[in-house]
N, C-alpha and C. Protein backbone atom coordinates (compact mmCIF):
# COMPACT_ATOMS: atom_id res chain seq x y z
N MET A 1 95.58 104.23 127.34
CA MET A 1 96.55 103.27 126.81
C MET A 1 96.32 101.90 127.43
N VAL A 2 96.43 100.86 126.62
CA VAL A 2 96.27 99.49 127.11
C VAL A 2 97.58 99.01 127.71
N ARG A 3 97.58 98.60 128.96
CA ARG A 3 98.78 98.10 129.60
C ARG A 3 99.11 96.71 129.08
N SER A 4 100.40 96.38 129.00
CA SER A 4 100.82 95.10 128.42
C SER A 4 100.29 93.92 129.23
N ASN A 5 100.15 94.07 130.53
CA ASN A 5 99.63 92.96 131.33
C ASN A 5 98.12 92.92 131.36
N ASP A 6 97.50 93.82 130.58
CA ASP A 6 96.05 93.88 130.51
C ASP A 6 95.56 93.68 129.09
N ILE A 7 96.42 93.10 128.22
CA ILE A 7 96.12 93.10 126.79
C ILE A 7 94.84 92.35 126.44
N LEU A 8 94.48 91.35 127.26
CA LEU A 8 93.31 90.56 126.91
C LEU A 8 92.01 91.26 127.30
N SER A 9 92.05 92.13 128.32
CA SER A 9 90.82 92.71 128.83
C SER A 9 90.12 93.58 127.81
N SER A 10 90.88 94.19 126.89
CA SER A 10 90.28 95.09 125.91
C SER A 10 89.67 94.35 124.73
N PHE A 11 89.82 93.02 124.68
CA PHE A 11 89.32 92.26 123.54
C PHE A 11 88.02 91.50 123.85
N GLU A 12 87.55 91.60 125.07
CA GLU A 12 86.51 90.68 125.52
C GLU A 12 85.12 91.04 125.03
N LYS A 13 84.87 92.31 124.68
CA LYS A 13 83.51 92.67 124.32
C LYS A 13 83.54 93.73 123.22
N GLY A 14 82.38 93.97 122.64
CA GLY A 14 82.26 95.00 121.62
C GLY A 14 82.17 94.41 120.23
N ASN A 15 81.96 95.29 119.24
CA ASN A 15 81.91 94.88 117.84
C ASN A 15 83.32 94.89 117.29
N PHE A 16 83.68 93.85 116.57
CA PHE A 16 85.04 93.70 116.10
C PHE A 16 85.11 93.95 114.60
N CYS A 17 86.24 94.47 114.17
CA CYS A 17 86.48 94.72 112.75
C CYS A 17 87.54 93.75 112.26
N ASN A 18 87.23 92.96 111.26
CA ASN A 18 88.20 92.01 110.71
C ASN A 18 89.12 92.73 109.73
N MET A 19 89.94 93.61 110.25
CA MET A 19 90.84 94.40 109.42
C MET A 19 92.00 93.53 108.94
N ASP A 20 92.41 93.77 107.71
CA ASP A 20 93.45 92.95 107.10
C ASP A 20 94.82 93.54 107.40
N PHE A 21 95.44 93.13 108.50
CA PHE A 21 96.80 93.55 108.79
C PHE A 21 97.61 92.32 109.16
N GLN A 22 98.93 92.44 108.99
CA GLN A 22 99.83 91.32 109.22
C GLN A 22 100.50 91.43 110.58
N LEU A 23 100.81 90.27 111.15
CA LEU A 23 101.50 90.20 112.44
C LEU A 23 102.77 89.39 112.27
N MET A 24 103.89 89.97 112.68
CA MET A 24 105.20 89.33 112.55
C MET A 24 105.79 89.10 113.93
N ALA A 25 106.36 87.94 114.15
CA ALA A 25 106.95 87.60 115.45
C ALA A 25 108.40 88.04 115.49
N SER A 26 108.76 88.86 116.48
CA SER A 26 110.14 89.29 116.66
C SER A 26 110.91 88.16 117.34
N MET A 27 111.67 87.43 116.55
CA MET A 27 112.28 86.20 117.04
C MET A 27 113.45 86.42 117.99
N MET A 28 113.93 87.65 118.13
CA MET A 28 114.94 87.90 119.14
C MET A 28 114.35 87.78 120.55
N CYS A 29 113.01 87.78 120.63
CA CYS A 29 112.33 87.64 121.92
C CYS A 29 111.91 86.20 122.20
N ALA A 30 112.15 85.28 121.28
CA ALA A 30 111.70 83.90 121.41
C ALA A 30 112.53 83.14 122.44
N ASN A 31 112.03 81.97 122.81
CA ASN A 31 112.73 81.09 123.75
C ASN A 31 113.75 80.26 122.97
N TYR A 32 115.03 80.57 123.14
CA TYR A 32 116.06 79.87 122.40
C TYR A 32 116.43 78.52 123.02
N GLY A 33 115.79 78.20 124.15
CA GLY A 33 115.98 76.87 124.72
C GLY A 33 115.32 75.80 123.88
N ASN A 34 114.33 76.20 123.06
CA ASN A 34 113.67 75.25 122.16
C ASN A 34 113.15 76.03 120.96
N LEU A 35 114.06 76.47 120.12
CA LEU A 35 113.70 77.34 119.00
C LEU A 35 112.82 76.62 117.98
N GLU A 36 113.06 75.35 117.75
CA GLU A 36 112.23 74.60 116.80
C GLU A 36 110.77 74.61 117.23
N LYS A 37 110.53 74.40 118.52
CA LYS A 37 109.16 74.41 119.04
C LYS A 37 108.54 75.80 118.92
N GLU A 38 109.33 76.83 119.18
CA GLU A 38 108.82 78.19 119.04
C GLU A 38 108.35 78.45 117.61
N VAL A 39 109.16 78.05 116.64
CA VAL A 39 108.81 78.25 115.24
C VAL A 39 107.51 77.51 114.91
N LYS A 40 107.43 76.26 115.29
CA LYS A 40 106.24 75.47 114.97
C LYS A 40 105.00 75.99 115.69
N ASP A 41 105.16 76.36 116.97
CA ASP A 41 104.00 76.87 117.72
C ASP A 41 103.49 78.18 117.14
N LEU A 42 104.38 79.05 116.73
CA LEU A 42 103.97 80.33 116.15
C LEU A 42 103.30 80.13 114.79
N GLU A 43 103.82 79.21 114.00
CA GLU A 43 103.19 78.92 112.72
C GLU A 43 101.78 78.36 112.92
N GLU A 44 101.64 77.41 113.82
CA GLU A 44 100.33 76.84 114.09
C GLU A 44 99.36 77.88 114.66
N ALA A 45 99.92 78.87 115.37
CA ALA A 45 99.08 79.92 115.96
C ALA A 45 98.59 80.92 114.92
N GLY A 46 99.23 80.94 113.74
CA GLY A 46 98.78 81.82 112.68
C GLY A 46 99.60 83.08 112.49
N ILE A 47 100.84 83.10 112.98
CA ILE A 47 101.69 84.27 112.72
C ILE A 47 101.95 84.38 111.23
N ASP A 48 102.08 85.59 110.71
CA ASP A 48 102.21 85.79 109.27
C ASP A 48 103.64 85.65 108.78
N SER A 49 104.63 86.04 109.61
CA SER A 49 106.02 85.89 109.21
C SER A 49 106.91 85.98 110.43
N PHE A 50 108.16 85.57 110.25
CA PHE A 50 109.16 85.64 111.32
C PHE A 50 110.08 86.82 111.06
N HIS A 51 110.18 87.69 112.05
CA HIS A 51 111.01 88.88 111.95
C HIS A 51 112.37 88.58 112.58
N ILE A 52 113.42 88.70 111.77
CA ILE A 52 114.77 88.32 112.20
C ILE A 52 115.63 89.58 112.32
N ASP A 53 116.02 89.93 113.53
CA ASP A 53 116.86 91.10 113.77
C ASP A 53 118.33 90.70 113.83
N ILE A 54 119.09 91.15 112.85
CA ILE A 54 120.53 90.89 112.80
C ILE A 54 121.26 92.17 113.22
N MET A 55 122.03 92.10 114.31
CA MET A 55 122.76 93.27 114.81
C MET A 55 124.25 92.95 114.90
N ASP A 56 125.08 93.95 114.53
CA ASP A 56 126.52 93.72 114.48
C ASP A 56 127.30 94.37 115.62
N GLY A 57 126.61 95.04 116.54
CA GLY A 57 127.32 95.70 117.62
C GLY A 57 128.01 96.98 117.20
N ARG A 58 127.82 97.40 115.98
CA ARG A 58 128.45 98.62 115.46
C ARG A 58 127.39 99.62 114.99
N PHE A 59 126.53 99.19 114.08
CA PHE A 59 125.46 100.10 113.65
C PHE A 59 124.48 100.36 114.79
N VAL A 60 124.25 99.35 115.61
CA VAL A 60 123.48 99.51 116.85
C VAL A 60 124.32 98.97 118.00
N PRO A 61 124.12 99.48 119.22
CA PRO A 61 124.98 99.08 120.35
C PRO A 61 124.55 97.77 120.99
N ASN A 62 124.39 96.74 120.18
CA ASN A 62 123.95 95.46 120.72
C ASN A 62 124.24 94.37 119.68
N PHE A 63 124.34 93.15 120.16
CA PHE A 63 124.38 91.98 119.29
C PHE A 63 123.07 91.22 119.49
N ALA A 64 122.45 90.80 118.41
CA ALA A 64 121.20 90.05 118.55
C ALA A 64 121.32 88.74 117.80
N MET A 65 120.44 88.49 116.86
CA MET A 65 120.44 87.23 116.17
C MET A 65 121.61 87.15 115.19
N SER A 66 122.01 85.94 114.88
CA SER A 66 123.16 85.72 114.00
C SER A 66 122.70 85.19 112.65
N LEU A 67 123.64 85.12 111.73
CA LEU A 67 123.38 84.51 110.43
C LEU A 67 122.91 83.07 110.61
N ASN A 68 123.52 82.33 111.53
CA ASN A 68 123.14 80.94 111.76
C ASN A 68 121.72 80.82 112.29
N ASP A 69 121.31 81.76 113.15
CA ASP A 69 119.92 81.76 113.62
C ASP A 69 118.96 81.92 112.45
N MET A 70 119.28 82.86 111.58
CA MET A 70 118.44 83.10 110.41
C MET A 70 118.36 81.86 109.52
N VAL A 71 119.52 81.22 109.28
CA VAL A 71 119.56 80.03 108.43
C VAL A 71 118.70 78.92 109.02
N TYR A 72 118.78 78.73 110.33
CA TYR A 72 118.00 77.67 110.97
C TYR A 72 116.51 77.93 110.82
N ILE A 73 116.09 79.16 111.09
CA ILE A 73 114.66 79.47 110.98
C ILE A 73 114.20 79.37 109.54
N ALA A 74 115.03 79.80 108.59
CA ALA A 74 114.66 79.70 107.18
C ALA A 74 114.45 78.25 106.76
N LYS A 75 115.26 77.34 107.30
CA LYS A 75 115.13 75.92 106.96
C LYS A 75 113.95 75.26 107.67
N THR A 76 113.60 75.79 108.83
CA THR A 76 112.56 75.18 109.65
C THR A 76 111.18 75.72 109.33
N ALA A 77 111.11 76.99 108.98
CA ALA A 77 109.82 77.66 108.81
C ALA A 77 109.19 77.38 107.46
N LYS A 78 107.86 77.40 107.45
CA LYS A 78 107.10 77.26 106.21
C LYS A 78 106.57 78.61 105.73
N ILE A 79 106.63 79.61 106.59
CA ILE A 79 106.11 80.94 106.25
C ILE A 79 107.27 81.89 105.97
N PRO A 80 107.00 83.08 105.43
CA PRO A 80 108.09 83.99 105.04
C PRO A 80 108.90 84.52 106.22
N LEU A 81 110.11 84.98 105.90
CA LEU A 81 110.97 85.66 106.86
C LEU A 81 111.07 87.13 106.48
N ASP A 82 111.15 87.98 107.51
CA ASP A 82 111.47 89.40 107.36
C ASP A 82 112.80 89.62 108.04
N VAL A 83 113.85 89.83 107.28
CA VAL A 83 115.19 89.95 107.83
C VAL A 83 115.56 91.42 107.92
N HIS A 84 115.81 91.87 109.13
CA HIS A 84 116.11 93.27 109.41
C HIS A 84 117.60 93.40 109.69
N LEU A 85 118.35 93.93 108.73
CA LEU A 85 119.80 94.03 108.85
C LEU A 85 120.18 95.34 109.52
N MET A 86 120.53 95.26 110.79
CA MET A 86 121.02 96.43 111.54
C MET A 86 122.54 96.31 111.61
N ILE A 87 123.16 96.43 110.44
CA ILE A 87 124.61 96.23 110.33
C ILE A 87 125.21 97.32 109.46
N GLU A 88 126.49 97.62 109.68
CA GLU A 88 127.19 98.59 108.85
C GLU A 88 127.52 97.98 107.48
N HIS A 89 127.39 98.78 106.44
CA HIS A 89 127.74 98.40 105.08
C HIS A 89 127.20 97.01 104.71
N PRO A 90 125.89 96.85 104.71
CA PRO A 90 125.31 95.54 104.41
C PRO A 90 125.68 94.99 103.04
N ASN A 91 126.02 95.88 102.09
CA ASN A 91 126.35 95.39 100.76
C ASN A 91 127.59 94.50 100.76
N ASN A 92 128.47 94.69 101.76
CA ASN A 92 129.68 93.87 101.85
C ASN A 92 129.38 92.41 102.17
N ARG A 93 128.24 92.16 102.80
CA ARG A 93 127.92 90.80 103.25
C ARG A 93 126.55 90.34 102.79
N ILE A 94 125.90 91.10 101.92
CA ILE A 94 124.51 90.79 101.58
C ILE A 94 124.36 89.40 100.97
N GLY A 95 125.36 88.94 100.24
CA GLY A 95 125.28 87.62 99.62
C GLY A 95 125.14 86.49 100.62
N LEU A 96 125.76 86.63 101.80
CA LEU A 96 125.66 85.60 102.83
C LEU A 96 124.22 85.40 103.29
N PHE A 97 123.46 86.48 103.31
CA PHE A 97 122.07 86.40 103.73
C PHE A 97 121.18 85.93 102.59
N LEU A 98 121.38 86.50 101.41
CA LEU A 98 120.48 86.20 100.29
C LEU A 98 120.55 84.73 99.88
N LYS A 99 121.71 84.12 99.94
CA LYS A 99 121.83 82.74 99.48
C LYS A 99 121.15 81.75 100.43
N ASN A 100 120.82 82.20 101.63
CA ASN A 100 120.18 81.32 102.61
C ASN A 100 118.70 81.65 102.82
N LEU A 101 118.15 82.52 101.99
CA LEU A 101 116.74 82.87 102.09
C LEU A 101 115.98 82.28 100.91
N ARG A 102 114.65 82.41 100.97
CA ARG A 102 113.79 81.88 99.91
C ARG A 102 113.24 83.03 99.08
N PRO A 103 112.95 82.82 97.79
CA PRO A 103 112.30 83.87 97.00
C PRO A 103 111.04 84.36 97.70
N GLY A 104 110.90 85.67 97.77
CA GLY A 104 109.74 86.24 98.43
C GLY A 104 110.00 86.70 99.85
N ASP A 105 111.05 86.19 100.49
CA ASP A 105 111.41 86.70 101.80
C ASP A 105 111.78 88.18 101.68
N THR A 106 111.63 88.90 102.78
CA THR A 106 111.92 90.34 102.79
C THR A 106 113.26 90.61 103.46
N VAL A 107 114.02 91.54 102.89
CA VAL A 107 115.26 92.00 103.52
C VAL A 107 115.20 93.51 103.64
N TYR A 108 115.30 94.00 104.89
CA TYR A 108 115.34 95.43 105.16
C TYR A 108 116.78 95.86 105.43
N ILE A 109 117.16 97.01 104.89
CA ILE A 109 118.42 97.64 105.26
C ILE A 109 118.13 99.04 105.81
N HIS A 110 119.08 99.60 106.52
CA HIS A 110 119.00 100.99 106.96
C HIS A 110 119.79 101.84 105.97
N PRO A 111 119.17 102.82 105.34
CA PRO A 111 119.89 103.65 104.37
C PRO A 111 121.14 104.31 104.94
N GLU A 112 121.11 104.67 106.22
CA GLU A 112 122.26 105.34 106.83
C GLU A 112 123.47 104.43 106.94
N ALA A 113 123.26 103.12 106.84
CA ALA A 113 124.35 102.15 107.05
C ALA A 113 125.17 101.89 105.80
N GLU A 114 124.78 102.49 104.67
CA GLU A 114 125.40 102.14 103.40
C GLU A 114 125.73 103.39 102.60
N TYR A 115 126.88 103.40 101.91
CA TYR A 115 127.23 104.52 101.06
C TYR A 115 126.27 104.64 99.88
N HIS A 116 125.94 103.50 99.27
CA HIS A 116 125.05 103.48 98.11
C HIS A 116 123.93 102.46 98.36
N PRO A 117 122.93 102.82 99.16
CA PRO A 117 121.89 101.85 99.52
C PRO A 117 121.12 101.31 98.34
N SER A 118 121.00 102.10 97.26
CA SER A 118 120.25 101.60 96.10
C SER A 118 120.94 100.39 95.48
N THR A 119 122.26 100.31 95.58
CA THR A 119 122.99 99.15 95.06
C THR A 119 122.64 97.90 95.85
N THR A 120 122.58 98.04 97.17
CA THR A 120 122.22 96.91 98.02
C THR A 120 120.78 96.48 97.76
N LEU A 121 119.90 97.44 97.62
CA LEU A 121 118.50 97.12 97.33
C LEU A 121 118.37 96.40 96.00
N GLN A 122 119.15 96.78 95.01
CA GLN A 122 119.09 96.09 93.72
C GLN A 122 119.57 94.65 93.84
N SER A 123 120.56 94.40 94.69
CA SER A 123 121.01 93.02 94.92
C SER A 123 119.90 92.19 95.52
N ILE A 124 119.13 92.78 96.41
CA ILE A 124 118.00 92.08 97.03
C ILE A 124 116.95 91.76 95.98
N ILE A 125 116.66 92.72 95.12
CA ILE A 125 115.68 92.52 94.05
C ILE A 125 116.15 91.44 93.08
N ASP A 126 117.42 91.50 92.68
CA ASP A 126 117.96 90.53 91.73
C ASP A 126 117.92 89.10 92.27
N ALA A 127 117.97 88.95 93.59
CA ALA A 127 117.93 87.62 94.22
C ALA A 127 116.51 87.11 94.39
N GLY A 128 115.53 87.89 93.98
CA GLY A 128 114.14 87.46 94.08
C GLY A 128 113.50 87.72 95.43
N MET A 129 114.15 88.56 96.23
CA MET A 129 113.61 88.90 97.54
C MET A 129 112.82 90.21 97.46
N THR A 130 112.07 90.50 98.50
CA THR A 130 111.33 91.75 98.59
C THR A 130 112.20 92.81 99.25
N PRO A 131 112.48 93.93 98.59
CA PRO A 131 113.36 94.94 99.16
C PRO A 131 112.63 95.87 100.12
N GLY A 132 113.31 96.19 101.22
CA GLY A 132 112.71 97.10 102.18
C GLY A 132 113.76 97.98 102.82
N ILE A 133 113.31 99.12 103.35
CA ILE A 133 114.18 99.95 104.16
C ILE A 133 113.55 100.12 105.54
N ALA A 134 114.41 100.23 106.55
CA ALA A 134 113.98 100.54 107.91
C ALA A 134 114.38 101.97 108.21
N ILE A 135 113.45 102.74 108.78
CA ILE A 135 113.68 104.16 109.04
C ILE A 135 113.76 104.38 110.54
N ASN A 136 114.91 104.83 111.01
CA ASN A 136 115.09 105.13 112.43
C ASN A 136 114.24 106.34 112.84
N PRO A 137 113.96 106.48 114.13
CA PRO A 137 113.18 107.64 114.58
C PRO A 137 113.78 108.97 114.17
N GLY A 138 115.11 109.07 114.12
CA GLY A 138 115.76 110.32 113.77
C GLY A 138 116.00 110.51 112.29
N THR A 139 115.52 109.58 111.46
CA THR A 139 115.70 109.68 110.00
C THR A 139 114.47 110.33 109.38
N SER A 140 114.68 111.38 108.60
CA SER A 140 113.55 112.09 108.00
C SER A 140 113.07 111.39 106.74
N VAL A 141 111.83 111.62 106.39
CA VAL A 141 111.26 111.07 105.16
C VAL A 141 112.00 111.63 103.95
N GLU A 142 112.40 112.91 104.02
CA GLU A 142 113.06 113.54 102.88
C GLU A 142 114.35 112.82 102.49
N THR A 143 115.08 112.30 103.45
CA THR A 143 116.38 111.68 103.15
C THR A 143 116.24 110.32 102.47
N VAL A 144 115.05 109.73 102.49
CA VAL A 144 114.87 108.42 101.86
C VAL A 144 113.88 108.48 100.70
N MET A 145 113.52 109.69 100.28
CA MET A 145 112.45 109.87 99.30
C MET A 145 112.67 109.06 98.03
N GLU A 146 113.87 109.11 97.46
CA GLU A 146 114.10 108.40 96.20
C GLU A 146 114.05 106.89 96.37
N MET A 147 114.47 106.41 97.54
CA MET A 147 114.42 104.96 97.78
C MET A 147 113.00 104.46 97.92
N LEU A 148 112.07 105.34 98.27
CA LEU A 148 110.67 104.93 98.37
C LEU A 148 110.14 104.45 97.02
N ARG A 149 110.78 104.85 95.93
CA ARG A 149 110.37 104.41 94.60
C ARG A 149 110.94 103.04 94.23
N ILE A 150 111.88 102.56 95.04
CA ILE A 150 112.53 101.29 94.77
C ILE A 150 111.96 100.16 95.62
N VAL A 151 111.71 100.46 96.88
CA VAL A 151 111.35 99.41 97.83
C VAL A 151 109.86 99.08 97.76
N LYS A 152 109.53 97.92 98.30
CA LYS A 152 108.14 97.50 98.43
C LYS A 152 107.63 97.62 99.86
N LYS A 153 108.57 97.69 100.82
CA LYS A 153 108.19 97.79 102.22
C LYS A 153 109.03 98.86 102.92
N VAL A 154 108.37 99.63 103.77
CA VAL A 154 109.04 100.61 104.61
C VAL A 154 108.69 100.30 106.06
N MET A 155 109.70 99.95 106.84
CA MET A 155 109.49 99.62 108.25
C MET A 155 109.89 100.81 109.09
N VAL A 156 108.93 101.38 109.78
CA VAL A 156 109.18 102.55 110.61
C VAL A 156 109.51 102.10 112.02
N MET A 157 110.69 102.50 112.49
CA MET A 157 111.09 102.20 113.85
C MET A 157 110.46 103.22 114.80
N SER A 158 109.64 102.76 115.72
CA SER A 158 109.02 103.67 116.68
C SER A 158 109.87 103.83 117.93
N VAL A 159 111.00 103.11 117.97
CA VAL A 159 111.99 103.23 119.05
C VAL A 159 113.37 103.27 118.40
N ASN A 160 114.38 103.72 119.13
CA ASN A 160 115.74 103.61 118.61
C ASN A 160 116.14 102.15 118.56
N PRO A 161 116.68 101.67 117.45
CA PRO A 161 116.94 100.24 117.29
C PRO A 161 118.08 99.76 118.16
N GLY A 162 118.00 98.46 118.52
CA GLY A 162 119.10 97.85 119.26
C GLY A 162 118.67 97.01 120.43
N ASN A 163 117.52 97.32 121.04
CA ASN A 163 117.09 96.57 122.21
C ASN A 163 115.58 96.45 122.22
N ALA A 164 115.09 95.33 122.77
CA ALA A 164 113.65 95.14 122.95
C ALA A 164 113.20 95.88 124.21
N GLY A 165 111.88 96.15 124.29
CA GLY A 165 111.31 96.69 125.51
C GLY A 165 111.50 98.19 125.70
N GLN A 166 111.78 98.94 124.62
CA GLN A 166 111.97 100.37 124.76
C GLN A 166 110.65 101.12 124.69
N MET A 167 110.68 102.40 125.09
CA MET A 167 109.49 103.23 125.09
C MET A 167 109.24 103.81 123.70
N TYR A 168 107.96 103.92 123.36
CA TYR A 168 107.53 104.52 122.09
C TYR A 168 107.88 106.00 122.05
N LEU A 169 108.37 106.45 120.89
CA LEU A 169 108.69 107.86 120.68
C LEU A 169 107.53 108.51 119.91
N PRO A 170 106.74 109.37 120.58
CA PRO A 170 105.48 109.85 120.01
C PRO A 170 105.59 110.55 118.67
N TYR A 171 106.70 111.25 118.41
CA TYR A 171 106.80 112.00 117.15
C TYR A 171 106.86 111.11 115.92
N VAL A 172 107.07 109.80 116.13
CA VAL A 172 107.11 108.87 114.99
C VAL A 172 105.75 108.81 114.30
N GLY A 173 104.68 109.03 115.04
CA GLY A 173 103.35 108.98 114.45
C GLY A 173 103.17 109.97 113.31
N LYS A 174 103.77 111.15 113.42
CA LYS A 174 103.68 112.15 112.36
C LYS A 174 104.43 111.68 111.11
N LYS A 175 105.53 110.95 111.32
CA LYS A 175 106.28 110.41 110.18
C LYS A 175 105.44 109.37 109.43
N ILE A 176 104.74 108.54 110.18
CA ILE A 176 103.88 107.55 109.56
C ILE A 176 102.78 108.23 108.75
N THR A 177 102.22 109.31 109.28
CA THR A 177 101.18 110.04 108.56
C THR A 177 101.71 110.55 107.22
N ARG A 178 102.95 111.04 107.19
CA ARG A 178 103.54 111.51 105.95
C ARG A 178 103.75 110.37 104.96
N LEU A 179 104.21 109.23 105.46
CA LEU A 179 104.43 108.08 104.59
C LEU A 179 103.12 107.53 104.04
N LEU A 180 102.08 107.55 104.84
CA LEU A 180 100.78 107.07 104.38
C LEU A 180 100.28 107.89 103.19
N ALA A 181 100.62 109.17 103.17
CA ALA A 181 100.21 110.03 102.07
C ALA A 181 100.98 109.74 100.79
N LEU A 182 102.12 109.04 100.90
CA LEU A 182 102.97 108.77 99.75
C LEU A 182 102.85 107.35 99.22
N LYS A 183 102.35 106.44 100.02
CA LYS A 183 102.50 105.01 99.72
C LYS A 183 101.75 104.57 98.46
N GLU A 184 100.60 105.14 98.16
CA GLU A 184 99.87 104.73 96.97
C GLU A 184 100.61 105.13 95.70
N ASP A 185 101.08 106.38 95.67
CA ASP A 185 101.78 106.88 94.48
C ASP A 185 103.09 106.16 94.25
N MET A 186 103.81 105.83 95.34
CA MET A 186 105.13 105.22 95.22
C MET A 186 105.11 103.70 95.37
N ASP A 187 103.95 103.14 95.64
CA ASP A 187 103.76 101.69 95.63
C ASP A 187 104.61 100.96 96.67
N PHE A 188 104.43 101.32 97.94
CA PHE A 188 105.07 100.57 99.02
C PHE A 188 104.07 100.41 100.17
N GLU A 189 104.37 99.46 101.05
CA GLU A 189 103.55 99.23 102.24
C GLU A 189 104.34 99.64 103.47
N ILE A 190 103.63 100.02 104.53
CA ILE A 190 104.25 100.51 105.76
C ILE A 190 104.08 99.48 106.87
N TYR A 191 105.17 99.26 107.60
CA TYR A 191 105.19 98.31 108.71
C TYR A 191 105.72 99.00 109.97
N TRP A 192 105.25 98.52 111.10
CA TRP A 192 105.59 99.13 112.40
C TRP A 192 106.50 98.19 113.17
N ASP A 193 107.59 98.74 113.72
CA ASP A 193 108.51 97.93 114.54
C ASP A 193 108.90 98.71 115.79
N GLY A 194 108.66 98.10 116.95
CA GLY A 194 109.08 98.69 118.22
C GLY A 194 107.92 99.13 119.09
N ALA A 195 107.92 98.66 120.36
CA ALA A 195 106.91 99.09 121.35
C ALA A 195 105.49 98.97 120.80
N CYS A 196 105.21 97.84 120.14
CA CYS A 196 103.91 97.66 119.50
C CYS A 196 102.88 97.15 120.51
N SER A 197 102.01 98.02 120.93
CA SER A 197 100.95 97.68 121.88
C SER A 197 99.60 97.67 121.18
N ALA A 198 98.59 97.20 121.89
CA ALA A 198 97.26 97.09 121.29
C ALA A 198 96.73 98.44 120.84
N ASP A 199 96.99 99.49 121.59
CA ASP A 199 96.47 100.81 121.21
C ASP A 199 97.14 101.32 119.93
N LYS A 200 98.40 100.93 119.69
CA LYS A 200 99.06 101.36 118.46
C LYS A 200 98.45 100.65 117.25
N ILE A 201 98.17 99.36 117.37
CA ILE A 201 97.51 98.65 116.27
C ILE A 201 96.12 99.23 116.04
N ARG A 202 95.41 99.50 117.10
CA ARG A 202 94.06 100.04 116.99
C ARG A 202 94.07 101.41 116.30
N GLU A 203 95.10 102.19 116.54
CA GLU A 203 95.17 103.52 115.93
C GLU A 203 95.66 103.49 114.49
N PHE A 204 96.71 102.69 114.21
CA PHE A 204 97.40 102.83 112.93
C PHE A 204 96.97 101.80 111.88
N ALA A 205 96.43 100.66 112.26
CA ALA A 205 95.95 99.71 111.25
C ALA A 205 94.82 100.31 110.40
N PRO A 206 93.82 100.98 111.00
CA PRO A 206 92.78 101.58 110.16
C PRO A 206 93.30 102.68 109.24
N LYS A 207 94.43 103.29 109.59
CA LYS A 207 94.99 104.36 108.75
C LYS A 207 95.75 103.81 107.55
N GLY A 208 96.11 102.51 107.59
CA GLY A 208 96.78 101.92 106.45
C GLY A 208 98.12 101.28 106.72
N VAL A 209 98.56 101.21 107.98
CA VAL A 209 99.79 100.48 108.28
C VAL A 209 99.51 99.00 108.05
N ARG A 210 100.34 98.35 107.26
CA ARG A 210 100.06 96.99 106.78
C ARG A 210 100.39 95.90 107.78
N GLY A 211 101.43 96.12 108.60
CA GLY A 211 101.84 95.04 109.50
C GLY A 211 102.55 95.57 110.72
N PHE A 212 102.63 94.70 111.74
CA PHE A 212 103.19 95.08 113.03
C PHE A 212 104.10 93.97 113.55
N VAL A 213 105.30 94.36 114.00
CA VAL A 213 106.23 93.41 114.60
C VAL A 213 105.88 93.28 116.08
N LEU A 214 105.64 92.04 116.52
CA LEU A 214 105.22 91.78 117.90
C LEU A 214 106.38 91.24 118.72
N GLY A 215 106.61 91.87 119.87
CA GLY A 215 107.67 91.41 120.77
C GLY A 215 107.11 91.08 122.13
N THR A 216 107.73 91.63 123.17
CA THR A 216 107.34 91.29 124.54
C THR A 216 106.05 91.98 124.98
N THR A 217 105.67 93.06 124.31
CA THR A 217 104.47 93.78 124.74
C THR A 217 103.21 92.95 124.52
N LEU A 218 103.10 92.27 123.38
CA LEU A 218 101.87 91.57 123.06
C LEU A 218 102.00 90.07 122.86
N LEU A 219 103.21 89.56 122.61
CA LEU A 219 103.30 88.16 122.19
C LEU A 219 104.13 87.28 123.11
N PHE A 220 105.35 87.67 123.39
CA PHE A 220 106.26 86.79 124.13
C PHE A 220 106.25 87.06 125.63
N GLY A 221 106.34 85.97 126.39
CA GLY A 221 106.49 86.08 127.83
C GLY A 221 105.22 86.31 128.62
N HIS A 222 104.06 86.01 128.03
CA HIS A 222 102.80 86.24 128.73
C HIS A 222 102.19 84.96 129.33
N GLY A 223 102.84 83.82 129.11
CA GLY A 223 102.35 82.59 129.70
C GLY A 223 101.04 82.09 129.13
N LYS A 224 100.68 82.52 127.95
CA LYS A 224 99.45 82.09 127.29
C LYS A 224 99.80 81.51 125.92
N PRO A 225 98.99 80.61 125.39
CA PRO A 225 99.26 80.07 124.05
C PRO A 225 99.32 81.16 123.00
N TYR A 226 100.26 81.02 122.07
CA TYR A 226 100.38 82.03 121.02
C TYR A 226 99.09 82.17 120.21
N GLY A 227 98.40 81.07 119.99
CA GLY A 227 97.16 81.13 119.23
C GLY A 227 96.12 82.01 119.89
N GLU A 228 96.02 81.92 121.20
CA GLU A 228 95.07 82.75 121.94
C GLU A 228 95.45 84.23 121.84
N LEU A 229 96.73 84.52 122.02
CA LEU A 229 97.19 85.91 121.96
C LEU A 229 96.97 86.52 120.58
N LEU A 230 97.32 85.77 119.52
CA LEU A 230 97.16 86.29 118.17
C LEU A 230 95.69 86.46 117.80
N GLN A 231 94.87 85.52 118.23
CA GLN A 231 93.44 85.63 117.94
C GLN A 231 92.85 86.89 118.58
N ASN A 232 93.28 87.16 119.80
CA ASN A 232 92.78 88.35 120.49
C ASN A 232 93.25 89.64 119.83
N ILE A 233 94.47 89.63 119.34
CA ILE A 233 94.98 90.82 118.63
C ILE A 233 94.18 91.05 117.35
N ARG A 234 93.88 89.98 116.62
CA ARG A 234 93.15 90.12 115.36
C ARG A 234 91.69 90.53 115.60
N LYS A 235 91.21 90.36 116.81
CA LYS A 235 89.85 90.76 117.14
C LYS A 235 89.78 92.12 117.83
N LEU A 236 90.84 92.88 117.72
CA LEU A 236 90.85 94.21 118.34
C LEU A 236 89.64 95.02 117.91
N GLN A 237 89.10 95.78 118.84
CA GLN A 237 87.96 96.65 118.57
C GLN A 237 88.45 97.97 117.98
N PHE A 238 87.93 98.31 116.78
CA PHE A 238 88.34 99.53 116.12
C PHE A 238 87.21 100.56 116.15
């Protein structure tokens, strides 16, 4: 396993594969002392999208980014947003988020948080956004099977949602394997969120995982330019 404080050492030599995968910045880990600079620096560094974690303190035991944070980043950013709603009954408030996003932005909901998740997903589609579901580690593929025919993105949580810096739950890998077998027939892409280290990208990007949410393990808090860190990740040896 590649240690987080050793992430650069594994990129220095060898033959590299220019694999086409996306990298998303987990903005709950950003420096809020100068959020505008963080957004601009990450865009210049080549990040593919901004991942916005909205938590209500009820569906998950934490409060994270707010609606106002999302609105500010949406107005400041030139690249897409991935909005991850970790809130109870998102359909009750979905309009507040959709009216402040741009066509093509992604909105993920948790199926367990809603009585009729397909209704919420249809609202996202009708607003011109990309519909997605987030699957908790304890959520089985069988319970979301029908929604896989509606969404375009499936974000697999490799940790229990609510806090950054958690440990990877190994059994999630088997869930990803099952989803990979379904994605072509049902027309969705798979994304990874939580404890994303270099070895996880090296293992799962070649298998077909489309994108990875980057937090403190690979992107934030390393004292190096974002451009250098992202370039090294994209040059991972496969």
